[in-house]
């Protein structure tokens, strides 16, 4: 594709802009700032407005992403904990309500840290539980569920 010298592609324009804004390391920060300030002063008003609009929209987008992330963290209070006893290992764990579990080798339990609604664990393998008094305690397995009343 042939382009005349007056017709630059977007890629060429981008490279030209990048090259014109490079600041050599041999300049001091004051010299660099003076050079950038003079370039900004010489830009057409529409270019300045366009750049300011991009900055505003970019800042708004960043603020929205941060707000969404904070909202997500705030509303996902429940954390899931998984504990595994490896081969040849027996592992003892204290659950959120103070109940105790002893996991046999090659066993995994998974539970939520917030037990205000329900006390339950998912079990894969063999375990012994010392259940504290309170609401129903449920152990869920692939074969069914066991409830301690």
Foldseek 3Di string as FASTA:
>chain_A
DDDDPVDDDPVRVVVVVVVVLDDDPVDDPVVSVVVVVVVVVPDDPVVVVVVVVVVVVVVVVVVVVVVVVVVVCVVPPKDKDKDAAAAPGWDWDQALVRKIKIADHGKMKMDINDPPPHAEIEIDHDMDIRDDDDDWHWYHYPVGIDIDD
